[in-house]
């Protein structure tokens, strides 16, 4: 794996390594709201984008970086 490289230099904007916790929280919230609406027999179900905004998460989105060195491009 020491020779593996990124094909595209697209990285997170901040230094956070993962968004796993935020994704778990958002999906739990979505599932809870869907269960509540289904129990009330409502047809309109929420979407994940309505519940959480990934720009408020730790990584703050991703962007294309053209100024990376070979060391930063390695996985």
PDB file of N, CA and C in Angstrom:
ATOM      1  N   UNK A   1       0.809  -1.202   0.000  1.00  0.00           N
ATOM      2  CA  UNK A   1       0.000   0.000   0.000  1.00  0.00           C
ATOM      3  C   UNK A   1       0.849   1.263   0.000  1.00  0.00           C
ATOM      4  N   UNK A   2       2.147   1.131   0.152  1.00  0.00           N
ATOM      5  CA  UNK A   2       2.982   2.319   0.230  1.00  0.00           C
ATOM      6  C   UNK A   2       3.064   3.050  -1.105  1.00  0.00           C
ATOM      7  N   UNK A   3       2.753   2.354  -2.186  1.00  0.00           N
ATOM      8  CA  UNK A   3       2.835   2.996  -3.500  1.00  0.00           C
ATOM      9  C   UNK A   3       1.472   3.457  -4.028  1.00  0.00           C
ATOM     10  N   UNK A   4       0.427   3.255  -3.257  1.00  0.00           N
ATOM     11  CA  UNK A   4      -0.888   3.657  -3.746  1.00  0.00           C
ATOM     12  C   UNK A   4      -1.025   5.176  -3.673  1.00  0.00           C
ATOM     13  N   UNK A   5      -1.617   5.738  -4.691  1.00  0.00           N
ATOM     14  CA  UNK A   5      -1.775   7.192  -4.798  1.00  0.00           C
ATOM     15  C   UNK A   5      -3.228   7.528  -5.075  1.00  0.00           C
ATOM     16  N   UNK A   6      -3.612   8.735  -4.716  1.00  0.00           N
ATOM     17  CA  UNK A   6      -4.952   9.226  -5.031  1.00  0.00           C
ATOM     18  C   UNK A   6      -5.030   9.527  -6.524  1.00  0.00           C
ATOM     19  N   UNK A   7      -6.143   9.153  -7.131  1.00  0.00           N
ATOM     20  CA  UNK A   7      -6.323   9.440  -8.548  1.00  0.00           C
ATOM     21  C   UNK A   7      -6.741  10.886  -8.743  1.00  0.00           C
ATOM     22  N   UNK A   8      -7.540  11.403  -7.820  1.00  0.00           N
ATOM     23  CA  UNK A   8      -7.964  12.802  -7.862  1.00  0.00           C
ATOM     24  C   UNK A   8      -7.594  13.476  -6.547  1.00  0.00           C
ATOM     25  N   UNK A   9      -7.021  14.670  -6.595  1.00  0.00           N
ATOM     26  CA  UNK A   9      -6.645  15.354  -5.363  1.00  0.00           C
ATOM     27  C   UNK A   9      -7.845  16.077  -4.725  1.00  0.00           C
ATOM     28  N   UNK A  10      -8.837  15.321  -4.295  1.00  0.00           N
ATOM     29  CA  UNK A  10     -10.008  15.884  -3.640  1.00  0.00           C
ATOM     30  C   UNK A  10      -9.952  15.467  -2.174  1.00  0.00           C
ATOM     31  N   UNK A  11      -9.849  16.454  -1.292  1.00  0.00           N
ATOM     32  CA  UNK A  11      -9.694  16.192   0.138  1.00  0.00           C
ATOM     33  C   UNK A  11     -10.693  17.031   0.926  1.00  0.00           C
ATOM     34  N   UNK A  12     -10.868  16.665   2.195  1.00  0.00           N
ATOM     35  CA  UNK A  12     -11.714  17.446   3.084  1.00  0.00           C
ATOM     36  C   UNK A  12     -11.104  18.806   3.361  1.00  0.00           C
ATOM     37  N   UNK A  13     -11.941  19.804   3.637  1.00  0.00           N
ATOM     38  CA  UNK A  13     -11.447  21.156   3.844  1.00  0.00           C
ATOM     39  C   UNK A  13     -10.765  21.333   5.196  1.00  0.00           C
ATOM     40  N   UNK A  14     -11.116  20.552   6.178  1.00  0.00           N
ATOM     41  CA  UNK A  14     -10.500  20.642   7.503  1.00  0.00           C
ATOM     42  C   UNK A  14      -9.670  19.389   7.775  1.00  0.00           C
ATOM     43  N   UNK A  15      -9.075  19.332   8.932  1.00  0.00           N
ATOM     44  CA  UNK A  15      -8.156  18.236   9.252  1.00  0.00           C
ATOM     45  C   UNK A  15      -8.845  16.998   9.804  1.00  0.00           C
ATOM     46  N   UNK A  16     -10.147  16.984   9.891  1.00  0.00           N
ATOM     47  CA  UNK A  16     -10.853  15.815  10.420  1.00  0.00           C
ATOM     48  C   UNK A  16     -10.660  14.639   9.470  1.00  0.00           C
ATOM     49  N   UNK A  17     -10.479  13.460  10.051  1.00  0.00           N
ATOM     50  CA  UNK A  17     -10.229  12.291   9.206  1.00  0.00           C
ATOM     51  C   UNK A  17     -11.508  11.608   8.757  1.00  0.00           C
ATOM     52  N   UNK A  18     -12.613  11.783   9.510  1.00  0.00           N
ATOM     53  CA  UNK A  18     -13.825  11.056   9.184  1.00  0.00           C
ATOM     54  C   UNK A  18     -15.068  11.865   9.582  1.00  0.00           C
ATOM     55  N   UNK A  19     -16.164  11.572   8.899  1.00  0.00           N
ATOM     56  CA  UNK A  19     -17.460  12.167   9.218  1.00  0.00           C
ATOM     57  C   UNK A  19     -18.415  11.098   9.733  1.00  0.00           C
ATOM     58  N   UNK A  20     -17.860   9.998  10.202  1.00  0.00           N
ATOM     59  CA  UNK A  20     -18.675   8.847  10.573  1.00  0.00           C
ATOM     60  C   UNK A  20     -19.681   9.181  11.661  1.00  0.00           C
ATOM     61  N   UNK A  21     -19.266   9.873  12.707  1.00  0.00           N
ATOM     62  CA  UNK A  21     -20.169  10.180  13.816  1.00  0.00           C
ATOM     63  C   UNK A  21     -21.326  11.067  13.370  1.00  0.00           C
ATOM     64  N   UNK A  22     -21.036  12.062  12.534  1.00  0.00           N
ATOM     65  CA  UNK A  22     -22.097  12.945  12.046  1.00  0.00           C
ATOM     66  C   UNK A  22     -23.082  12.194  11.160  1.00  0.00           C
ATOM     67  N   UNK A  23     -22.556  11.287  10.335  1.00  0.00           N
ATOM     68  CA  UNK A  23     -23.435  10.488   9.479  1.00  0.00           C
ATOM     69  C   UNK A  23     -24.338   9.585  10.300  1.00  0.00           C
ATOM     70  N   UNK A  24     -23.773   8.977  11.360  1.00  0.00           N
ATOM     71  CA  UNK A  24     -24.582   8.127  12.233  1.00  0.00           C
ATOM     72  C   UNK A  24     -25.703   8.924  12.895  1.00  0.00           C
ATOM     73  N   UNK A  25     -25.369  10.103  13.419  1.00  0.00           N
ATOM     74  CA  UNK A  25     -26.374  10.943  14.077  1.00  0.00           C
ATOM     75  C   UNK A  25     -27.466  11.370  13.104  1.00  0.00           C
ATOM     76  N   UNK A  26     -27.076  11.775  11.901  1.00  0.00           N
ATOM     77  CA  UNK A  26     -28.048  12.236  10.916  1.00  0.00           C
ATOM     78  C   UNK A  26     -28.982  11.105  10.491  1.00  0.00           C
ATOM     79  N   UNK A  27     -28.437   9.916  10.267  1.00  0.00           N
ATOM     80  CA  UNK A  27     -29.276   8.792   9.846  1.00  0.00           C
ATOM     81  C   UNK A  27     -30.184   8.305  10.967  1.00  0.00           C
ATOM     82  N   UNK A  28     -29.710   8.357  12.213  1.00  0.00           N
ATOM     83  CA  UNK A  28     -30.578   8.004  13.340  1.00  0.00           C
ATOM     84  C   UNK A  28     -31.746   8.973  13.442  1.00  0.00           C
ATOM     85  N   UNK A  29     -31.441  10.248  13.280  1.00  0.00           N
ATOM     86  CA  UNK A  29     -32.491  11.267  13.333  1.00  0.00           C
ATOM     87  C   UNK A  29     -33.501  11.063  12.207  1.00  0.00           C
ATOM     88  N   UNK A  30     -33.005  10.756  11.007  1.00  0.00           N
ATOM     89  CA  UNK A  30     -33.889  10.503   9.867  1.00  0.00           C
ATOM     90  C   UNK A  30     -34.775   9.290  10.118  1.00  0.00           C
ATOM     91  N   UNK A  31     -34.192   8.190  10.572  1.00  0.00           N
ATOM     92  CA  UNK A  31     -34.987   6.982  10.822  1.00  0.00           C
ATOM     93  C   UNK A  31     -36.047   7.219  11.897  1.00  0.00           C
ATOM     94  N   UNK A  32     -35.701   7.980  12.933  1.00  0.00           N
ATOM     95  CA  UNK A  32     -36.658   8.268  13.995  1.00  0.00           C
ATOM     96  C   UNK A  32     -37.837   9.075  13.453  1.00  0.00           C
ATOM     97  N   UNK A  33     -37.554  10.102  12.646  1.00  0.00           N
ATOM     98  CA  UNK A  33     -38.623  10.909  12.068  1.00  0.00           C
ATOM     99  C   UNK A  33     -39.483  10.118  11.095  1.00  0.00           C
ATOM    100  N   UNK A  34     -38.869   9.237  10.323  1.00  0.00           N
ATOM    101  CA  UNK A  34     -39.630   8.403   9.378  1.00  0.00           C
ATOM    102  C   UNK A  34     -40.557   7.462  10.141  1.00  0.00           C
ATOM    103  N   UNK A  35     -40.055   6.853  11.216  1.00  0.00           N
ATOM    104  CA  UNK A  35     -40.908   5.972  12.030  1.00  0.00           C
ATOM    105  C   UNK A  35     -42.085   6.731  12.629  1.00  0.00           C
ATOM    106  N   UNK A  36     -41.847   7.945  13.112  1.00  0.00           N
ATOM    107  CA  UNK A  36     -42.928   8.743  13.688  1.00  0.00           C
ATOM    108  C   UNK A  36     -43.982   9.076  12.640  1.00  0.00           C
ATOM    109  N   UNK A  37     -43.543   9.481  11.458  1.00  0.00           N
ATOM    110  CA  UNK A  37     -44.498   9.846  10.404  1.00  0.00           C
ATOM    111  C   UNK A  37     -45.258   8.626   9.896  1.00  0.00           C
ATOM    112  N   UNK A  38     -44.587   7.480   9.815  1.00  0.00           N
ATOM    113  CA  UNK A  38     -45.283   6.274   9.376  1.00  0.00           C
ATOM    114  C   UNK A  38     -46.307   5.814  10.411  1.00  0.00           C
ATOM    115  N   UNK A  39     -46.022   6.011  11.676  1.00  0.00           N
ATOM    116  CA  UNK A  39     -46.985   5.613  12.707  1.00  0.00           C
ATOM    117  C   UNK A  39     -48.221   6.512  12.682  1.00  0.00           C
ATOM    118  N   UNK A  40     -48.054   7.749  12.212  1.00  0.00           N
ATOM    119  CA  UNK A  40     -49.190   8.672  12.089  1.00  0.00           C
ATOM    120  C   UNK A  40     -49.851   8.581  10.720  1.00  0.00           C
ATOM    121  N   UNK A  41     -49.377   7.669   9.895  1.00  0.00           N
ATOM    122  CA  UNK A  41     -49.898   7.434   8.539  1.00  0.00           C
ATOM    123  C   UNK A  41     -49.770   8.660   7.640  1.00  0.00           C
ATOM    124  N   UNK A  42     -48.687   9.387   7.795  1.00  0.00           N
ATOM    125  CA  UNK A  42     -48.416  10.521   6.914  1.00  0.00           C
ATOM    126  C   UNK A  42     -47.646  10.040   5.691  1.00  0.00           C
ATOM    127  N   UNK A  43     -47.996  10.596   4.541  1.00  0.00           N
ATOM    128  CA  UNK A  43     -47.368  10.155   3.294  1.00  0.00           C
ATOM    129  C   UNK A  43     -46.047  10.885   3.047  1.00  0.00           C
ATOM    130  N   UNK A  44     -45.960  12.162   3.421  1.00  0.00           N
ATOM    131  CA  UNK A  44     -44.752  12.946   3.193  1.00  0.00           C
ATOM    132  C   UNK A  44     -43.659  12.538   4.170  1.00  0.00           C
ATOM    133  N   UNK A  45     -42.601  11.918   3.661  1.00  0.00           N
ATOM    134  CA  UNK A  45     -41.479  11.508   4.497  1.00  0.00           C
ATOM    135  C   UNK A  45     -40.308  12.468   4.282  1.00  0.00           C
ATOM    136  N   UNK A  46     -39.553  12.757   5.338  1.00  0.00           N
ATOM    137  CA  UNK A  46     -38.425  13.690   5.199  1.00  0.00           C
ATOM    138  C   UNK A  46     -37.255  13.054   4.452  1.00  0.00           C
ATOM    139  N   UNK A  47     -36.460  13.907   3.837  1.00  0.00           N
ATOM    140  CA  UNK A  47     -35.226  13.486   3.181  1.00  0.00           C
ATOM    141  C   UNK A  47     -34.053  13.822   4.091  1.00  0.00           C
ATOM    142  N   UNK A  48     -32.932  13.167   3.883  1.00  0.00           N
ATOM    143  CA  UNK A  48     -31.758  13.391   4.715  1.00  0.00           C
ATOM    144  C   UNK A  48     -31.264  14.832   4.598  1.00  0.00           C
ATOM    145  N   UNK A  49     -31.373  15.417   3.413  1.00  0.00           N
ATOM    146  CA  UNK A  49     -30.911  16.793   3.218  1.00  0.00           C
ATOM    147  C   UNK A  49     -31.761  17.805   3.983  1.00  0.00           C
ATOM    148  N   UNK A  50     -33.019  17.456   4.276  1.00  0.00           N
ATOM    149  CA  UNK A  50     -33.877  18.347   5.045  1.00  0.00           C
ATOM    150  C   UNK A  50     -33.514  18.332   6.525  1.00  0.00           C
ATOM    151  N   UNK A  51     -32.935  17.235   6.982  1.00  0.00           N
ATOM    152  CA  UNK A  51     -32.664  17.055   8.406  1.00  0.00           C
ATOM    153  C   UNK A  51     -31.272  17.550   8.788  1.00  0.00           C
ATOM    154  N   UNK A  52     -30.282  17.236   8.005  1.00  0.00           N
ATOM    155  CA  UNK A  52     -28.914  17.615   8.351  1.00  0.00           C
ATOM    156  C   UNK A  52     -28.245  18.298   7.169  1.00  0.00           C
ATOM    157  N   UNK A  53     -27.280  19.141   7.485  1.00  0.00           N
ATOM    158  CA  UNK A  53     -26.529  19.857   6.478  1.00  0.00           C
ATOM    159  C   UNK A  53     -25.073  19.446   6.608  1.00  0.00           C
ATOM    160  N   UNK A  54     -24.522  18.799   5.599  1.00  0.00           N
ATOM    161  CA  UNK A  54     -23.160  18.301   5.715  1.00  0.00           C
ATOM    162  C   UNK A  54     -22.119  19.420   5.725  1.00  0.00           C
ATOM    163  N   UNK A  55     -22.482  20.646   5.445  1.00  0.00           N
ATOM    164  CA  UNK A  55     -21.541  21.759   5.551  1.00  0.00           C
ATOM    165  C   UNK A  55     -21.328  22.167   7.003  1.00  0.00           C
ATOM    166  N   UNK A  56     -22.180  21.702   7.916  1.00  0.00           N
ATOM    167  CA  UNK A  56     -22.000  21.977   9.340  1.00  0.00           C
ATOM    168  C   UNK A  56     -21.219  20.877  10.042  1.00  0.00           C
ATOM    169  N   UNK A  57     -20.801  19.868   9.329  1.00  0.00           N
ATOM    170  CA  UNK A  57     -20.070  18.761   9.923  1.00  0.00           C
ATOM    171  C   UNK A  57     -18.596  19.125  10.074  1.00  0.00           C
ATOM    172  N   UNK A  58     -17.831  18.204  10.621  1.00  0.00           N
ATOM    173  CA  UNK A  58     -16.437  18.463  10.970  1.00  0.00           C
ATOM    174  C   UNK A  58     -15.576  18.771   9.745  1.00  0.00           C
ATOM    175  N   UNK A  59     -15.737  18.018   8.678  1.00  0.00           N
ATOM    176  CA  UNK A  59     -14.893  18.214   7.494  1.00  0.00           C
ATOM    177  C   UNK A  59     -15.264  19.458   6.698  1.00  0.00           C
ATOM    178  N   UNK A  60     -16.481  19.912   6.814  1.00  0.00           N
ATOM    179  CA  UNK A  60     -16.937  21.110   6.114  1.00  0.00           C
ATOM    180  C   UNK A  60     -16.854  20.941   4.595  1.00  0.00           C
ATOM    181  N   UNK A  61     -17.169  19.766   4.100  1.00  0.00           N
ATOM    182  CA  UNK A  61     -17.187  19.516   2.662  1.00  0.00           C
ATOM    183  C   UNK A  61     -15.832  19.110   2.118  1.00  0.00           C
ATOM    184  N   UNK A  62     -15.763  18.949   0.817  1.00  0.00           N
ATOM    185  CA  UNK A  62     -14.533  18.556   0.144  1.00  0.00           C
ATOM    186  C   UNK A  62     -14.246  19.542  -0.977  1.00  0.00           C
ATOM    187  N   UNK A  63     -12.988  19.608  -1.392  1.00  0.00           N
ATOM    188  CA  UNK A  63     -12.632  20.502  -2.486  1.00  0.00           C
ATOM    189  C   UNK A  63     -11.446  19.921  -3.255  1.00  0.00           C
ATOM    190  N   UNK A  64     -11.294  20.377  -4.480  1.00  0.00           N
ATOM    191  CA  UNK A  64     -10.198  19.964  -5.362  1.00  0.00           C
ATOM    192  C   UNK A  64      -8.961  20.758  -4.976  1.00  0.00           C
ATOM    193  N   UNK A  65      -7.836  20.074  -4.806  1.00  0.00           N
ATOM    194  CA  UNK A  65      -6.600  20.730  -4.396  1.00  0.00           C
ATOM    195  C   UNK A  65      -5.540  20.480  -5.456  1.00  0.00           C
ATOM    196  N   UNK A  66      -5.043  21.524  -6.072  1.00  0.00           N
ATOM    197  CA  UNK A  66      -4.026  21.357  -7.106  1.00  0.00           C
ATOM    198  C   UNK A  66      -2.609  21.575  -6.564  1.00  0.00           C
ATOM    199  N   UNK A  67      -2.473  21.980  -5.301  1.00  0.00           N
ATOM    200  CA  UNK A  67      -1.169  22.311  -4.758  1.00  0.00           C
ATOM    201  C   UNK A  67      -0.592  21.224  -3.848  1.00  0.00           C
ATOM    202  N   UNK A  68      -1.014  19.989  -4.001  1.00  0.00           N
ATOM    203  CA  UNK A  68      -0.558  18.914  -3.115  1.00  0.00           C
ATOM    204  C   UNK A  68       0.764  18.319  -3.586  1.00  0.00           C
ATOM    205  N   UNK A  69       1.581  17.909  -2.624  1.00  0.00           N
ATOM    206  CA  UNK A  69       2.847  17.252  -2.946  1.00  0.00           C
ATOM    207  C   UNK A  69       2.590  15.759  -3.148  1.00  0.00           C
ATOM    208  N   UNK A  70       3.616  15.040  -3.598  1.00  0.00           N
ATOM    209  CA  UNK A  70       3.471  13.593  -3.799  1.00  0.00           C
ATOM    210  C   UNK A  70       3.213  12.876  -2.476  1.00  0.00           C
ATOM    211  N   UNK A  71       3.785  13.365  -1.395  1.00  0.00           N
ATOM    212  CA  UNK A  71       3.556  12.737  -0.092  1.00  0.00           C
ATOM    213  C   UNK A  71       2.101  12.898   0.337  1.00  0.00           C
ATOM    214  N   UNK A  72       1.503  14.053   0.074  1.00  0.00           N
ATOM    215  CA  UNK A  72       0.105  14.286   0.442  1.00  0.00           C
ATOM    216  C   UNK A  72      -0.864  13.507  -0.451  1.00  0.00           C
ATOM    217  N   UNK A  73      -0.431  13.161  -1.653  1.00  0.00           N
ATOM    218  CA  UNK A  73      -1.273  12.392  -2.556  1.00  0.00           C
ATOM    219  C   UNK A  73      -1.255  10.901  -2.249  1.00  0.00           C
ATOM    220  N   UNK A  74      -0.285  10.448  -1.457  1.00  0.00           N
ATOM    221  CA  UNK A  74      -0.262   9.036  -1.112  1.00  0.00           C
ATOM    222  C   UNK A  74      -1.322   8.730  -0.061  1.00  0.00           C
ATOM    223  N   UNK A  75      -1.874   7.525  -0.111  1.00  0.00           N
ATOM    224  CA  UNK A  75      -2.953   7.154   0.810  1.00  0.00           C
ATOM    225  C   UNK A  75      -2.407   6.709   2.141  1.00  0.00           C
TER     226      UNK A  75
END
